[in-house]
Amino acid sequence: MDRLNEVDTTGVEPMTQVLFEAGETATLRADVPATPLGNQAALANAPQPGAGYFKVPKVIER
C-alpha cells in the first residue's frame, strides 16, 4: 500500500464501480440460456479421457 500511495493521482477522478452506463459502447452481451455442452461433447477432443472425466498428470505429491 505504501508504494501505491506514492503514485501521483492528481487529476484522476475516483471510480465508484468498474461497470458503468456506456450505452452502445458496452461490451457485455445479453445473457441467453443455452443447452449444456454434455459430457461426450466436452470429452470429444480430450487427449486422455477416461471414465467420463479429463485425465491429467498428477501435480501434488503426498
N, C-alpha and C. Protein backbone atom coordinates (compact mmCIF):
# COMPACT_ATOMS: atom_id res chain seq x y z
N MET A 1 0.82 -1.19 0.00
CA MET A 1 0.00 0.00 0.00
C MET A 1 0.86 1.26 0.00
N ASP A 2 2.00 1.19 0.67
CA ASP A 2 2.87 2.36 0.70
C ASP A 2 3.33 2.74 -0.70
N ARG A 3 3.67 1.74 -1.52
CA ARG A 3 4.12 2.02 -2.89
C ARG A 3 2.98 2.62 -3.71
N LEU A 4 1.75 2.13 -3.50
CA LEU A 4 0.62 2.68 -4.23
C LEU A 4 0.34 4.11 -3.82
N ASN A 5 0.55 4.42 -2.54
CA ASN A 5 0.34 5.78 -2.07
C ASN A 5 1.34 6.76 -2.67
N GLU A 6 2.47 6.28 -3.17
CA GLU A 6 3.49 7.14 -3.78
C GLU A 6 3.11 7.56 -5.21
N VAL A 7 2.14 6.88 -5.83
CA VAL A 7 1.73 7.17 -7.20
C VAL A 7 0.99 8.50 -7.24
N ASP A 8 1.36 9.35 -8.21
CA ASP A 8 0.71 10.65 -8.37
C ASP A 8 -0.64 10.46 -9.05
N THR A 9 -1.71 10.72 -8.35
CA THR A 9 -3.06 10.56 -8.90
C THR A 9 -3.75 11.91 -9.07
N THR A 10 -2.97 12.96 -9.19
CA THR A 10 -3.52 14.30 -9.38
C THR A 10 -4.35 14.33 -10.66
N GLY A 11 -5.57 14.80 -10.56
CA GLY A 11 -6.43 14.93 -11.73
C GLY A 11 -7.16 13.65 -12.12
N VAL A 12 -6.97 12.59 -11.37
CA VAL A 12 -7.66 11.33 -11.67
C VAL A 12 -8.92 11.27 -10.82
N GLU A 13 -10.07 11.17 -11.50
CA GLU A 13 -11.33 11.11 -10.76
C GLU A 13 -11.52 9.72 -10.16
N PRO A 14 -12.01 9.63 -8.93
CA PRO A 14 -12.26 8.33 -8.32
C PRO A 14 -13.37 7.59 -9.05
N MET A 15 -13.26 6.26 -9.11
CA MET A 15 -14.30 5.44 -9.74
C MET A 15 -15.17 4.85 -8.64
N THR A 16 -16.46 4.80 -8.88
CA THR A 16 -17.35 4.19 -7.90
C THR A 16 -17.57 2.72 -8.20
N GLN A 17 -17.45 2.35 -9.46
CA GLN A 17 -17.59 0.95 -9.85
C GLN A 17 -16.92 0.74 -11.21
N VAL A 18 -16.64 -0.51 -11.53
CA VAL A 18 -15.96 -0.82 -12.78
C VAL A 18 -16.93 -0.75 -13.95
N LEU A 19 -18.11 -1.31 -13.79
CA LEU A 19 -19.09 -1.28 -14.88
C LEU A 19 -19.89 0.01 -14.77
N PHE A 20 -20.07 0.69 -15.86
CA PHE A 20 -20.78 1.95 -15.86
C PHE A 20 -21.72 2.00 -17.06
N GLU A 21 -22.62 2.91 -17.04
CA GLU A 21 -23.57 3.07 -18.14
C GLU A 21 -22.80 3.53 -19.37
N ALA A 22 -22.74 2.69 -20.41
CA ALA A 22 -21.95 3.03 -21.58
C ALA A 22 -22.75 3.03 -22.87
N GLY A 23 -24.03 2.81 -22.78
CA GLY A 23 -24.85 2.84 -23.99
C GLY A 23 -24.44 1.78 -24.99
N GLU A 24 -24.29 2.17 -26.25
CA GLU A 24 -23.97 1.22 -27.32
C GLU A 24 -22.51 0.78 -27.32
N THR A 25 -21.66 1.41 -26.52
CA THR A 25 -20.26 1.01 -26.49
C THR A 25 -20.00 -0.07 -25.44
N ALA A 26 -21.03 -0.49 -24.72
CA ALA A 26 -20.86 -1.52 -23.71
C ALA A 26 -20.43 -2.83 -24.36
N THR A 27 -19.57 -3.58 -23.69
CA THR A 27 -19.05 -4.82 -24.26
C THR A 27 -19.75 -6.05 -23.70
N LEU A 28 -20.78 -5.87 -22.90
CA LEU A 28 -21.49 -7.01 -22.34
C LEU A 28 -22.55 -7.50 -23.31
N ARG A 29 -22.71 -8.80 -23.37
CA ARG A 29 -23.73 -9.37 -24.25
C ARG A 29 -24.94 -9.79 -23.41
N ALA A 30 -26.04 -10.01 -24.06
CA ALA A 30 -27.25 -10.46 -23.36
C ALA A 30 -27.04 -11.86 -22.80
N ASP A 31 -27.60 -12.12 -21.64
CA ASP A 31 -27.50 -13.42 -21.01
C ASP A 31 -28.62 -14.30 -21.54
N VAL A 32 -28.28 -15.23 -22.44
CA VAL A 32 -29.27 -16.07 -23.09
C VAL A 32 -29.05 -17.52 -22.64
N PRO A 33 -30.08 -18.18 -22.10
CA PRO A 33 -29.93 -19.58 -21.70
C PRO A 33 -29.61 -20.46 -22.90
N ALA A 34 -28.74 -21.44 -22.69
CA ALA A 34 -28.37 -22.36 -23.77
C ALA A 34 -28.30 -23.78 -23.21
N THR A 35 -28.42 -24.74 -24.08
CA THR A 35 -28.33 -26.14 -23.69
C THR A 35 -26.90 -26.46 -23.27
N PRO A 36 -26.72 -27.18 -22.15
CA PRO A 36 -25.36 -27.54 -21.73
C PRO A 36 -24.63 -28.35 -22.80
N LEU A 37 -23.31 -28.30 -22.79
CA LEU A 37 -22.49 -28.98 -23.79
C LEU A 37 -22.66 -30.49 -23.73
N GLY A 38 -22.67 -31.06 -22.55
CA GLY A 38 -22.80 -32.51 -22.43
C GLY A 38 -21.44 -33.16 -22.25
N ASN A 39 -21.40 -34.28 -21.54
CA ASN A 39 -20.16 -34.95 -21.20
C ASN A 39 -19.42 -35.48 -22.43
N GLN A 40 -20.12 -36.14 -23.33
CA GLN A 40 -19.46 -36.71 -24.52
C GLN A 40 -18.85 -35.63 -25.40
N ALA A 41 -19.57 -34.54 -25.62
CA ALA A 41 -19.05 -33.46 -26.46
C ALA A 41 -17.86 -32.78 -25.79
N ALA A 42 -17.92 -32.62 -24.48
CA ALA A 42 -16.81 -31.97 -23.76
C ALA A 42 -15.54 -32.81 -23.84
N LEU A 43 -15.67 -34.11 -23.79
CA LEU A 43 -14.51 -35.00 -23.79
C LEU A 43 -14.09 -35.45 -25.19
N ALA A 44 -14.80 -35.01 -26.23
CA ALA A 44 -14.54 -35.48 -27.59
C ALA A 44 -13.10 -35.26 -28.04
N ASN A 45 -12.49 -34.13 -27.71
CA ASN A 45 -11.13 -33.83 -28.13
C ASN A 45 -10.11 -33.88 -27.00
N ALA A 46 -10.49 -34.45 -25.88
CA ALA A 46 -9.57 -34.55 -24.75
C ALA A 46 -8.43 -35.51 -25.08
N PRO A 47 -7.18 -35.16 -24.73
CA PRO A 47 -6.07 -36.05 -25.05
C PRO A 47 -6.15 -37.39 -24.32
N GLN A 48 -6.68 -37.39 -23.08
CA GLN A 48 -6.79 -38.64 -22.32
C GLN A 48 -8.10 -38.69 -21.55
N PRO A 49 -9.22 -38.90 -22.22
CA PRO A 49 -10.47 -39.02 -21.46
C PRO A 49 -10.52 -40.38 -20.78
N GLY A 50 -11.21 -40.46 -19.67
CA GLY A 50 -11.35 -41.75 -19.00
C GLY A 50 -12.46 -41.73 -17.98
N ALA A 51 -13.37 -42.66 -18.07
CA ALA A 51 -14.48 -42.82 -17.12
C ALA A 51 -15.32 -41.55 -17.00
N GLY A 52 -15.45 -40.80 -18.09
CA GLY A 52 -16.28 -39.61 -18.07
C GLY A 52 -15.60 -38.37 -17.52
N TYR A 53 -14.29 -38.41 -17.35
CA TYR A 53 -13.54 -37.28 -16.80
C TYR A 53 -12.33 -36.97 -17.67
N PHE A 54 -11.73 -35.81 -17.45
CA PHE A 54 -10.46 -35.47 -18.08
C PHE A 54 -9.35 -36.08 -17.22
N LYS A 55 -8.45 -36.84 -17.83
CA LYS A 55 -7.30 -37.37 -17.10
C LYS A 55 -6.16 -36.35 -17.23
N VAL A 56 -5.56 -35.99 -16.10
CA VAL A 56 -4.46 -35.04 -16.09
C VAL A 56 -3.30 -35.62 -15.27
N PRO A 57 -2.08 -35.18 -15.54
CA PRO A 57 -0.94 -35.67 -14.76
C PRO A 57 -1.05 -35.27 -13.30
N LYS A 58 -0.54 -36.10 -12.44
CA LYS A 58 -0.52 -35.82 -11.01
C LYS A 58 0.43 -34.65 -10.76
N VAL A 59 -0.03 -33.65 -10.02
CA VAL A 59 0.80 -32.48 -9.76
C VAL A 59 1.09 -32.28 -8.27
N ILE A 60 0.42 -33.01 -7.41
CA ILE A 60 0.63 -32.87 -5.97
C ILE A 60 1.19 -34.17 -5.42
N GLU A 61 2.32 -34.08 -4.77
CA GLU A 61 2.92 -35.25 -4.13
C GLU A 61 2.38 -35.35 -2.72
N ARG A 62 2.05 -36.55 -2.31
CA ARG A 62 1.56 -36.75 -0.93
C ARG A 62 2.55 -37.54 -0.14
